[in-house]
Amino acid sequence: MRAVLQLWLLPCRQMPLLGVLAHLLWLAALACRAWITPHAEAAALGAGLMAMGSWFWHMGLGVALRGACQPESFLLPAFRRRLAGLALADAAVWVGVPPALALAWGVPHALLGAGLLLVAGAMGFAMGVERWISLLFWPLLVLAGWMPGLVAEVLHRALRSPLTLPLLLLLAALLLRLALHPMLQLADRPPDVSPLEGLSLGRGATPEAAPRRSALGRRIEEVFDALAQRALARALARYREHPSTARRLTLVRRLLLPHDNAGAIVLRMAVMAVFASLYMVVALHRRHVDATVVGAYAVLLALARFPQVGRGMQRMRPNLADLYLTLAPATRTAYQQMLADALLVLVPIGTLSALAYAGLGIALSRAAQPGLMLLVTLIVASGGGLVALAVHLVGPQGTVGRQLVNAMVLIGAMASYWGGAWLVGALGYLLGGGVLALVTLGFGLGVWFAAQREYQRREPCFDAPLA
């Protein structure tokens, strides 16, 4: 019983706010019957609150159990039996008690409400374990936005159909099957990858927090890894053919940034373009989209890569010792300078990505002033990238400090973007763009040169980061 309790408390310890919110919603749902009249409206409100709380709680539970169900965890005595006990206790609290009270109080459609609670819990748990499952429900949300009348009619008829409850149970069983099969399957851990890779699929996370990827995600990873291996082999062959400082720096970049070669960049932009196009065409086809907002979002996407620099370089410290011995630099300053120069390529890559996303937004939203948006995006993404790389390279080592610094960088970039858009619109492309470039790029270059000097002054550290 103690083991089951510890498993139950995992989401509360990892995500205390979510645990408190979910159980408050559980209590609020039960209180609706006593405090709200008429009872039919109270039952509907209580069912909605209970379903929302169940969805929140089971999503957190899925995330917690995904990290706990590692291959070595199944060596613990009766671990699977403890998980089964947790499932029974959880089902009793979230699916058994509320419908039982509803039946005792004479609430109509109590059994149907139990089926909805089961689906809500299974959906949240499946999304917590397998994130791609959330994509299955996205078409339903789009359909609800398109034809709300049809959705209301379908729900009204479902309340009177005898097949609704069996279908809900079948859907819940399918979701649980999709979540439990990979979570309980024993498999070797994937090989370690560079914390500075550019996939954003969670492979650089810690083993306890690494998400389990779908078949599509694994296929995408294989393509990116093949491109990275090909680029590394080509860079190594060129360096062996004619060793030079530039080719040596290229080889270091291929080692530190495996997914920032030309082929991987084009493929990453293509994948992002597909998802962005689907979202813009399907979800926002009836709305007018401000192209300036799309440009701001493109800048945010470009700057989202730089927080990975601080985390990744900290996690790579033990591996960088091998790189130091392989390069055999004449001085420690030269080694630090080489690392800084290798990471500097992320700034033009980020600027190019921002321009590509902004161009896609111009094409999809039919922007009235495409030149203004591209000019402001070019200047702000370049200056913001320099500042972001600088502060994450020499900034705070703690998680909270990095988050605060990143928030300040993003706020400053957005202020520069909107101020630059107004400035170019008021003063024209030449004068307004010149003033914006002078301020933004001047500040960015100043911060980068200062951070570069500070990074060169520091001694290389190869100690593993403290947990």
Protein backbone atom coordinates (compact mmCIF):
# COMPACT_ATOMS: atom_id res chain seq x y z
CA MET A 1 0.00 0.00 0.00
CA ARG A 2 2.88 2.33 0.74
CA ALA A 3 4.35 1.78 -2.73
CA VAL A 4 0.99 2.61 -4.32
CA LEU A 5 0.82 5.80 -2.27
CA GLN A 6 4.31 6.82 -3.38
CA LEU A 7 3.34 6.26 -7.01
CA TRP A 8 0.19 8.34 -6.45
CA LEU A 9 2.26 11.20 -5.02
CA LEU A 10 4.69 11.29 -7.96
CA PRO A 11 2.72 13.89 -9.97
CA CYS A 12 2.19 15.98 -6.84
CA ARG A 13 5.92 16.06 -6.14
CA GLN A 14 6.96 16.79 -9.70
CA MET A 15 4.07 19.16 -10.53
CA PRO A 16 2.58 20.33 -7.22
CA LEU A 17 0.44 23.05 -8.79
CA LEU A 18 -1.17 20.57 -11.17
CA GLY A 19 -1.87 18.10 -8.36
CA VAL A 20 -3.51 20.74 -6.18
CA LEU A 21 -5.56 22.14 -9.08
CA ALA A 22 -6.83 18.71 -10.17
CA HIS A 23 -8.00 17.71 -6.69
CA LEU A 24 -9.57 21.12 -6.09
CA LEU A 25 -11.58 20.60 -9.27
CA TRP A 26 -12.59 17.16 -7.94
CA LEU A 27 -13.88 18.72 -4.72
CA ALA A 28 -15.55 21.59 -6.59
CA ALA A 29 -17.37 19.14 -8.85
CA LEU A 30 -18.83 17.32 -5.83
CA ALA A 31 -19.76 20.62 -4.19
CA CYS A 32 -21.80 21.73 -7.21
CA ARG A 33 -24.59 19.30 -6.28
CA ALA A 34 -25.04 20.84 -2.86
CA TRP A 35 -24.61 24.52 -3.67
CA ILE A 36 -26.13 25.02 -7.14
CA THR A 37 -29.76 24.75 -8.19
CA PRO A 38 -31.39 23.51 -10.34
CA HIS A 39 -29.76 20.13 -10.00
CA ALA A 40 -29.55 19.48 -13.76
CA GLU A 41 -27.30 22.50 -14.28
CA ALA A 42 -25.31 21.57 -11.19
CA ALA A 43 -24.75 18.07 -12.56
CA ALA A 44 -23.61 19.43 -15.96
CA LEU A 45 -21.21 21.90 -14.34
CA GLY A 46 -19.90 19.28 -11.94
CA ALA A 47 -19.31 16.80 -14.78
CA GLY A 48 -17.36 19.42 -16.72
CA LEU A 49 -15.19 20.30 -13.73
CA MET A 50 -14.61 16.63 -12.94
CA ALA A 51 -13.65 15.85 -16.54
CA MET A 52 -11.24 18.80 -16.62
CA GLY A 53 -9.65 17.79 -13.32
CA SER A 54 -9.37 14.18 -14.49
CA TRP A 55 -7.71 15.28 -17.72
CA PHE A 56 -5.18 17.46 -15.86
CA TRP A 57 -4.40 14.84 -13.23
CA HIS A 58 -3.97 11.93 -15.60
CA MET A 59 -1.79 13.93 -17.96
CA GLY A 60 0.53 14.66 -15.06
CA LEU A 61 0.31 11.04 -13.95
CA GLY A 62 1.27 9.87 -17.43
CA VAL A 63 4.31 12.18 -17.48
CA ALA A 64 5.40 10.98 -14.02
CA LEU A 65 4.96 7.29 -14.78
CA ARG A 66 6.69 7.66 -18.13
CA GLY A 67 9.82 8.68 -16.24
CA ALA A 68 9.35 6.05 -13.51
CA CYS A 69 8.81 3.10 -15.86
CA GLN A 70 12.44 2.69 -16.88
CA PRO A 71 13.83 -0.79 -17.68
CA GLU A 72 15.58 -1.03 -14.31
CA SER A 73 12.37 -0.14 -12.46
CA PHE A 74 10.81 -3.44 -13.50
CA LEU A 75 13.49 -5.25 -11.48
CA LEU A 76 11.82 -3.98 -8.30
CA PRO A 77 9.72 -6.56 -6.43
CA ALA A 78 6.12 -6.68 -7.70
CA PHE A 79 6.48 -3.41 -9.61
CA ARG A 80 3.80 -4.31 -12.14
CA ARG A 81 1.45 -5.32 -9.33
CA ARG A 82 1.98 -1.96 -7.64
CA LEU A 83 1.15 -0.23 -10.91
CA ALA A 84 -2.05 -2.28 -11.13
CA GLY A 85 -2.93 -1.25 -7.58
CA LEU A 86 -2.38 2.38 -8.51
CA ALA A 87 -4.68 1.94 -11.52
CA LEU A 88 -7.45 0.47 -9.37
CA ALA A 89 -7.19 3.21 -6.74
CA ASP A 90 -7.10 5.91 -9.40
CA ALA A 91 -10.13 4.48 -11.22
CA ALA A 92 -12.05 4.28 -7.94
CA VAL A 93 -11.36 7.94 -7.11
CA TRP A 94 -11.89 9.49 -10.53
CA VAL A 95 -14.30 7.11 -12.26
CA GLY A 96 -16.03 5.16 -9.47
CA VAL A 97 -16.89 7.62 -6.70
CA PRO A 98 -18.43 10.50 -8.76
CA PRO A 99 -20.87 8.31 -10.78
CA ALA A 100 -21.80 6.36 -7.63
CA LEU A 101 -22.71 9.59 -5.87
CA ALA A 102 -24.55 10.78 -8.97
CA LEU A 103 -26.64 7.57 -9.01
CA ALA A 104 -27.40 7.98 -5.31
CA TRP A 105 -28.53 11.56 -5.91
CA GLY A 106 -30.67 10.59 -8.90
CA VAL A 107 -28.67 12.55 -11.49
CA PRO A 108 -29.71 11.64 -15.06
CA HIS A 109 -27.20 10.03 -17.43
CA ALA A 110 -24.91 9.01 -14.55
CA LEU A 111 -23.54 5.99 -16.41
CA LEU A 112 -22.87 8.09 -19.49
CA GLY A 113 -21.03 10.57 -17.27
CA ALA A 114 -18.90 7.71 -15.95
CA GLY A 115 -17.98 6.82 -19.54
CA LEU A 116 -17.03 10.44 -20.24
CA LEU A 117 -14.88 10.57 -17.12
CA LEU A 118 -13.14 7.38 -18.19
CA VAL A 119 -12.44 8.82 -21.65
CA ALA A 120 -11.19 12.11 -20.16
CA GLY A 121 -8.80 10.27 -17.84
CA ALA A 122 -7.61 7.90 -20.56
CA MET A 123 -7.10 10.80 -22.97
CA GLY A 124 -5.05 12.77 -20.44
CA PHE A 125 -2.97 9.74 -19.50
CA ALA A 126 -2.32 8.87 -23.14
CA MET A 127 -1.26 12.45 -23.92
CA GLY A 128 1.10 12.40 -20.94
CA VAL A 129 2.78 9.19 -22.09
CA GLU A 130 2.63 9.64 -25.87
CA ARG A 131 2.50 13.31 -26.90
CA TRP A 132 1.61 12.55 -30.50
CA ILE A 133 -1.80 11.25 -29.38
CA SER A 134 -2.93 14.85 -28.89
CA LEU A 135 -2.79 15.21 -32.69
CA LEU A 136 -5.63 12.68 -32.97
CA PHE A 137 -8.02 15.09 -31.25
CA TRP A 138 -6.95 18.16 -33.19
CA PRO A 139 -9.31 17.46 -36.16
CA LEU A 140 -12.23 17.24 -33.71
CA LEU A 141 -11.41 20.69 -32.33
CA VAL A 142 -11.15 22.08 -35.85
CA LEU A 143 -14.53 20.52 -36.71
CA ALA A 144 -16.08 22.04 -33.59
CA GLY A 145 -14.81 25.46 -34.68
CA TRP A 146 -16.12 25.00 -38.21
CA MET A 147 -19.57 23.60 -37.52
CA PRO A 148 -20.61 24.13 -33.90
CA GLY A 149 -24.25 23.48 -34.77
CA LEU A 150 -23.47 20.04 -36.17
CA VAL A 151 -21.37 19.17 -33.11
CA ALA A 152 -24.21 20.25 -30.79
CA GLU A 153 -26.66 18.10 -32.73
CA VAL A 154 -24.35 15.09 -32.59
CA LEU A 155 -23.94 15.48 -28.83
CA HIS A 156 -27.69 15.82 -28.36
CA ARG A 157 -28.34 12.59 -30.25
CA ALA A 158 -25.49 10.80 -28.48
CA LEU A 159 -27.22 11.38 -25.15
CA ARG A 160 -30.18 9.32 -26.35
CA SER A 161 -28.30 6.59 -28.21
CA PRO A 162 -27.71 3.22 -26.47
CA LEU A 163 -24.45 2.80 -28.40
CA THR A 164 -22.79 5.87 -26.86
CA LEU A 165 -21.63 4.19 -23.65
CA PRO A 166 -20.06 1.14 -25.41
CA LEU A 167 -18.31 3.44 -27.86
CA LEU A 168 -16.92 5.54 -25.01
CA LEU A 169 -15.62 2.42 -23.28
CA LEU A 170 -14.04 1.23 -26.53
CA LEU A 171 -12.37 4.61 -27.08
CA ALA A 172 -11.00 4.62 -23.53
CA ALA A 173 -9.64 1.10 -23.96
CA LEU A 174 -7.96 2.06 -27.22
CA LEU A 175 -6.30 5.12 -25.64
CA LEU A 176 -5.07 3.09 -22.68
CA ARG A 177 -3.70 0.47 -25.04
CA LEU A 178 -1.78 3.11 -27.00
CA ALA A 179 -0.31 4.50 -23.77
CA LEU A 180 0.39 1.35 -21.77
CA HIS A 181 1.99 -0.76 -24.49
CA PRO A 182 5.11 1.40 -25.00
CA MET A 183 5.30 2.35 -21.31
CA LEU A 184 5.38 -1.25 -20.07
CA GLN A 185 7.57 -2.55 -22.89
CA LEU A 186 11.15 -3.35 -21.91
CA ALA A 187 13.71 -1.99 -24.34
CA ASP A 188 17.30 -0.78 -24.30
CA ARG A 189 17.86 2.91 -23.91
CA PRO A 190 18.72 4.81 -27.09
CA PRO A 191 22.33 5.93 -27.48
CA ASP A 192 23.30 9.32 -26.12
CA VAL A 193 23.09 12.21 -28.55
CA SER A 194 24.48 15.71 -28.60
CA PRO A 195 22.60 18.08 -26.25
CA LEU A 196 23.01 20.74 -28.95
CA GLU A 197 21.19 18.85 -31.69
CA GLY A 198 18.46 20.80 -33.43
CA LEU A 199 15.60 18.29 -33.62
CA SER A 200 13.51 19.56 -30.67
CA LEU A 201 12.14 16.03 -30.20
CA GLY A 202 13.33 15.60 -26.64
CA ARG A 203 16.25 13.26 -27.32
CA GLY A 204 18.61 15.57 -25.47
CA ALA A 205 16.55 15.36 -22.28
CA THR A 206 17.60 13.32 -19.28
CA PRO A 207 16.73 9.60 -19.45
CA GLU A 208 14.08 10.06 -16.77
CA ALA A 209 12.32 12.80 -18.75
CA ALA A 210 12.97 11.67 -22.29
CA PRO A 211 9.72 11.18 -24.19
CA ARG A 212 8.92 7.93 -25.94
CA ARG A 213 8.80 8.73 -29.62
CA SER A 214 6.35 7.45 -32.16
CA ALA A 215 7.25 5.57 -35.32
CA LEU A 216 7.02 8.77 -37.37
CA GLY A 217 9.29 10.58 -34.92
CA ARG A 218 11.85 7.79 -35.12
CA ARG A 219 11.79 7.92 -38.92
CA ILE A 220 12.40 11.68 -38.86
CA GLU A 221 15.26 11.17 -36.42
CA GLU A 222 16.83 8.56 -38.69
CA VAL A 223 16.79 10.96 -41.64
CA PHE A 224 18.37 13.76 -39.59
CA ASP A 225 21.00 11.40 -38.15
CA ALA A 226 21.87 10.17 -41.64
CA LEU A 227 22.33 13.75 -42.83
CA ALA A 228 24.47 14.53 -39.77
CA GLN A 229 26.66 11.48 -40.32
CA ARG A 230 27.12 12.33 -43.99
CA ALA A 231 28.05 15.94 -43.20
CA LEU A 232 30.53 14.80 -40.52
CA ALA A 233 32.16 12.30 -42.87
CA ARG A 234 32.44 14.95 -45.59
CA ALA A 235 33.97 17.49 -43.20
CA LEU A 236 36.46 14.91 -41.91
CA ALA A 237 37.47 13.90 -45.43
CA ARG A 238 38.03 17.52 -46.45
CA TYR A 239 40.12 18.20 -43.36
CA ARG A 240 42.29 15.14 -43.99
CA GLU A 241 42.73 16.16 -47.61
CA HIS A 242 43.84 19.70 -46.76
CA PRO A 243 44.06 20.64 -43.06
CA SER A 244 43.29 24.28 -42.39
CA THR A 245 41.89 26.42 -39.61
CA ALA A 246 38.58 26.96 -41.41
CA ARG A 247 38.06 23.25 -42.10
CA ARG A 248 39.04 22.42 -38.54
CA LEU A 249 36.38 24.82 -37.29
CA THR A 250 33.86 23.22 -39.65
CA LEU A 251 34.70 19.80 -38.22
CA VAL A 252 34.18 21.09 -34.66
CA ARG A 253 30.81 22.48 -35.71
CA ARG A 254 29.77 19.14 -37.17
CA LEU A 255 30.64 17.52 -33.83
CA LEU A 256 28.93 20.06 -31.56
CA LEU A 257 25.97 20.88 -33.83
CA PRO A 258 25.20 17.68 -35.75
CA HIS A 259 21.85 18.85 -37.12
CA ASP A 260 22.91 22.27 -38.31
CA ASN A 261 24.29 21.28 -41.69
CA ALA A 262 22.68 22.54 -44.90
CA GLY A 263 20.58 19.44 -45.58
CA ALA A 264 19.23 19.23 -42.02
CA ILE A 265 18.39 22.95 -41.99
CA VAL A 266 16.39 22.67 -45.22
CA LEU A 267 14.58 19.57 -43.98
CA ARG A 268 13.78 21.17 -40.62
CA MET A 269 12.34 24.23 -42.35
CA ALA A 270 10.31 22.03 -44.67
CA VAL A 271 8.79 20.10 -41.76
CA MET A 272 7.96 23.32 -39.95
CA ALA A 273 6.48 24.76 -43.15
CA VAL A 274 4.18 21.75 -43.55
CA PHE A 275 2.79 22.05 -40.03
CA ALA A 276 2.50 25.83 -40.25
CA SER A 277 0.70 25.61 -43.58
CA LEU A 278 -1.77 23.05 -42.25
CA TYR A 279 -2.47 25.22 -39.23
CA MET A 280 -2.90 28.42 -41.22
CA VAL A 281 -5.02 26.86 -43.97
CA VAL A 282 -7.20 24.59 -41.83
CA ALA A 283 -7.55 26.35 -38.50
CA LEU A 284 -7.43 30.00 -39.55
CA HIS A 285 -8.94 29.90 -43.01
CA ARG A 286 -11.85 32.13 -42.02
CA ARG A 287 -9.88 34.71 -40.05
CA HIS A 288 -7.75 37.64 -41.06
CA VAL A 289 -4.21 37.06 -39.85
CA ASP A 290 -2.00 40.07 -39.17
CA ALA A 291 1.25 39.39 -40.98
CA THR A 292 3.18 41.46 -38.42
CA VAL A 293 2.15 39.01 -35.71
CA VAL A 294 3.41 36.14 -37.87
CA GLY A 295 6.77 37.89 -38.17
CA ALA A 296 6.99 38.27 -34.39
CA TYR A 297 6.26 34.58 -34.00
CA ALA A 298 9.00 33.78 -36.54
CA VAL A 299 11.50 35.72 -34.43
CA LEU A 300 10.41 33.80 -31.33
CA LEU A 301 10.89 30.49 -33.14
CA ALA A 302 14.40 31.53 -34.18
CA LEU A 303 15.36 32.56 -30.63
CA ALA A 304 13.93 29.37 -29.11
CA ARG A 305 17.08 27.47 -30.09
CA PHE A 306 19.54 29.50 -28.00
CA PRO A 307 18.49 28.40 -24.47
CA GLN A 308 19.68 24.96 -25.55
CA VAL A 309 23.23 26.35 -25.76
CA GLY A 310 23.50 26.99 -22.02
CA ARG A 311 21.98 23.66 -21.03
CA GLY A 312 23.81 21.69 -23.70
CA MET A 313 27.29 23.08 -23.03
CA GLN A 314 26.81 22.40 -19.32
CA ARG A 315 25.82 18.78 -19.94
CA MET A 316 28.63 18.27 -22.46
CA ARG A 317 31.44 19.20 -20.07
CA PRO A 318 32.83 15.65 -19.61
CA ASN A 319 32.70 15.04 -23.38
CA LEU A 320 34.42 18.35 -24.11
CA ALA A 321 37.51 17.01 -22.32
CA ASP A 322 37.95 14.54 -25.19
CA LEU A 323 37.56 17.38 -27.68
CA TYR A 324 40.18 19.42 -25.82
CA LEU A 325 42.69 16.58 -25.92
CA THR A 326 41.97 15.90 -29.59
CA LEU A 327 42.37 19.53 -30.67
CA ALA A 328 45.46 20.05 -28.44
CA PRO A 329 45.18 23.86 -28.51
CA ALA A 330 48.26 25.97 -27.81
CA THR A 331 46.44 27.93 -25.10
CA ARG A 332 43.19 27.65 -23.22
CA THR A 333 42.11 30.95 -24.74
CA ALA A 334 42.44 29.47 -28.23
CA TYR A 335 40.26 26.53 -27.22
CA GLN A 336 37.56 28.78 -25.80
CA GLN A 337 37.76 30.98 -28.88
CA MET A 338 37.24 27.96 -31.13
CA LEU A 339 34.13 26.89 -29.22
CA ALA A 340 32.69 30.41 -29.37
CA ASP A 341 33.38 30.66 -33.11
CA ALA A 342 31.79 27.25 -33.69
CA LEU A 343 28.60 28.23 -31.87
CA LEU A 344 28.40 31.60 -33.62
CA VAL A 345 27.01 29.86 -36.71
CA LEU A 346 23.71 29.53 -34.84
CA VAL A 347 23.09 33.27 -35.31
CA PRO A 348 22.92 33.26 -39.15
CA ILE A 349 21.05 29.95 -39.03
CA GLY A 350 18.49 31.49 -36.67
CA THR A 351 18.17 34.58 -38.87
CA LEU A 352 17.70 32.46 -41.98
CA SER A 353 15.05 30.38 -40.19
CA ALA A 354 13.21 33.51 -39.07
CA LEU A 355 13.22 34.89 -42.62
CA ALA A 356 11.96 31.58 -44.00
CA TYR A 357 9.11 31.40 -41.47
CA ALA A 358 8.27 35.05 -42.06
CA GLY A 359 8.23 34.49 -45.81
CA LEU A 360 5.88 31.56 -45.34
CA GLY A 361 3.64 33.73 -43.20
CA ILE A 362 3.64 36.41 -45.92
CA ALA A 363 2.57 33.90 -48.54
CA LEU A 364 -0.17 32.36 -46.40
CA SER A 365 -1.56 35.60 -44.98
CA ARG A 366 -1.09 37.68 -48.17
CA ALA A 367 0.68 40.44 -46.27
CA ALA A 368 0.18 43.97 -47.52
CA GLN A 369 3.73 45.11 -46.63
CA PRO A 370 6.02 42.10 -47.01
CA GLY A 371 9.15 44.21 -47.28
CA LEU A 372 8.58 45.85 -43.90
CA MET A 373 8.10 42.53 -42.14
CA LEU A 374 11.15 40.91 -43.77
CA LEU A 375 13.38 43.91 -43.02
CA VAL A 376 12.37 44.10 -39.37
CA THR A 377 12.62 40.33 -38.99
CA LEU A 378 16.12 40.31 -40.51
CA ILE A 379 17.44 43.04 -38.20
CA VAL A 380 15.76 41.90 -34.97
CA ALA A 381 16.52 38.20 -35.49
CA SER A 382 20.20 38.98 -36.11
CA GLY A 383 20.59 41.30 -33.13
CA GLY A 384 18.46 39.12 -30.88
CA GLY A 385 20.42 36.02 -31.88
CA LEU A 386 23.70 37.67 -30.92
CA VAL A 387 22.34 38.72 -27.54
CA ALA A 388 20.72 35.33 -26.88
CA LEU A 389 23.87 33.39 -27.75
CA ALA A 390 25.98 35.69 -25.59
CA VAL A 391 23.86 35.54 -22.46
CA HIS A 392 23.31 31.79 -22.67
CA LEU A 393 27.01 31.17 -23.26
CA VAL A 394 28.28 33.08 -20.20
CA GLY A 395 25.03 33.55 -18.26
CA PRO A 396 23.70 31.85 -15.12
CA GLN A 397 24.23 28.13 -14.67
CA GLY A 398 21.08 27.49 -12.64
CA THR A 399 17.75 26.63 -14.22
CA VAL A 400 15.90 29.57 -12.68
CA GLY A 401 18.59 32.02 -13.73
CA ARG A 402 18.58 30.75 -17.31
CA GLN A 403 14.79 31.01 -17.47
CA LEU A 404 14.85 34.60 -16.20
CA VAL A 405 17.57 35.55 -18.66
CA ASN A 406 15.70 33.91 -21.52
CA ALA A 407 12.50 35.75 -20.58
CA MET A 408 14.37 39.06 -20.60
CA VAL A 409 15.85 38.30 -24.03
CA LEU A 410 12.46 37.39 -25.49
CA ILE A 411 10.80 40.49 -24.02
CA GLY A 412 13.58 42.68 -25.40
CA ALA A 413 13.31 41.04 -28.82
CA MET A 414 9.56 41.54 -28.98
CA ALA A 415 9.91 45.17 -27.88
CA SER A 416 12.55 45.69 -30.58
CA TYR A 417 10.37 44.00 -33.20
CA TRP A 418 7.22 46.00 -32.56
CA GLY A 419 9.17 49.20 -32.07
CA GLY A 420 11.09 48.53 -35.27
CA ALA A 421 7.89 47.83 -37.21
CA TRP A 422 6.48 51.18 -36.07
CA LEU A 423 9.75 52.95 -36.80
CA VAL A 424 10.08 51.60 -40.33
CA GLY A 425 6.43 52.33 -41.01
CA ALA A 426 6.81 55.92 -39.78
CA LEU A 427 10.23 56.87 -41.17
CA GLY A 428 10.51 54.61 -44.19
CA TYR A 429 12.68 51.66 -45.10
CA LEU A 430 15.96 53.54 -45.43
CA LEU A 431 15.85 55.87 -42.43
CA GLY A 432 13.74 53.71 -40.13
CA GLY A 433 15.60 50.53 -41.04
CA GLY A 434 18.93 52.29 -40.59
CA VAL A 435 18.06 53.55 -37.12
CA LEU A 436 16.72 50.12 -36.13
CA ALA A 437 19.85 48.37 -37.45
CA LEU A 438 22.15 50.87 -35.73
CA VAL A 439 20.49 50.36 -32.35
CA THR A 440 19.68 46.65 -32.52
CA LEU A 441 22.77 45.34 -34.27
CA GLY A 442 25.04 47.72 -32.38
CA PHE A 443 23.70 46.49 -29.06
CA GLY A 444 23.84 42.86 -30.17
CA LEU A 445 27.45 43.09 -31.40
CA GLY A 446 28.51 44.91 -28.23
CA VAL A 447 26.98 42.24 -26.01
CA TRP A 448 28.48 39.43 -28.09
CA PHE A 449 32.03 40.85 -28.08
CA ALA A 450 31.83 41.40 -24.32
CA ALA A 451 30.56 37.85 -23.76
CA GLN A 452 33.24 36.48 -26.07
CA ARG A 453 35.98 38.18 -24.06
CA GLU A 454 34.49 36.85 -20.84
CA TYR A 455 34.25 33.33 -22.26
CA GLN A 456 37.86 33.41 -23.42
CA ARG A 457 38.95 34.58 -19.97
CA ARG A 458 37.31 31.62 -18.26
CA GLU A 459 39.13 28.35 -17.78
CA PRO A 460 37.68 25.30 -19.54
CA CYS A 461 35.55 23.22 -17.17
CA PHE A 462 35.16 19.48 -17.72
CA ASP A 463 33.40 18.55 -14.47
CA ALA A 464 30.03 16.89 -14.74
CA PRO A 465 27.22 19.32 -13.74
CA LEU A 466 25.71 18.87 -10.32
CA ALA A 467 22.27 17.23 -10.31
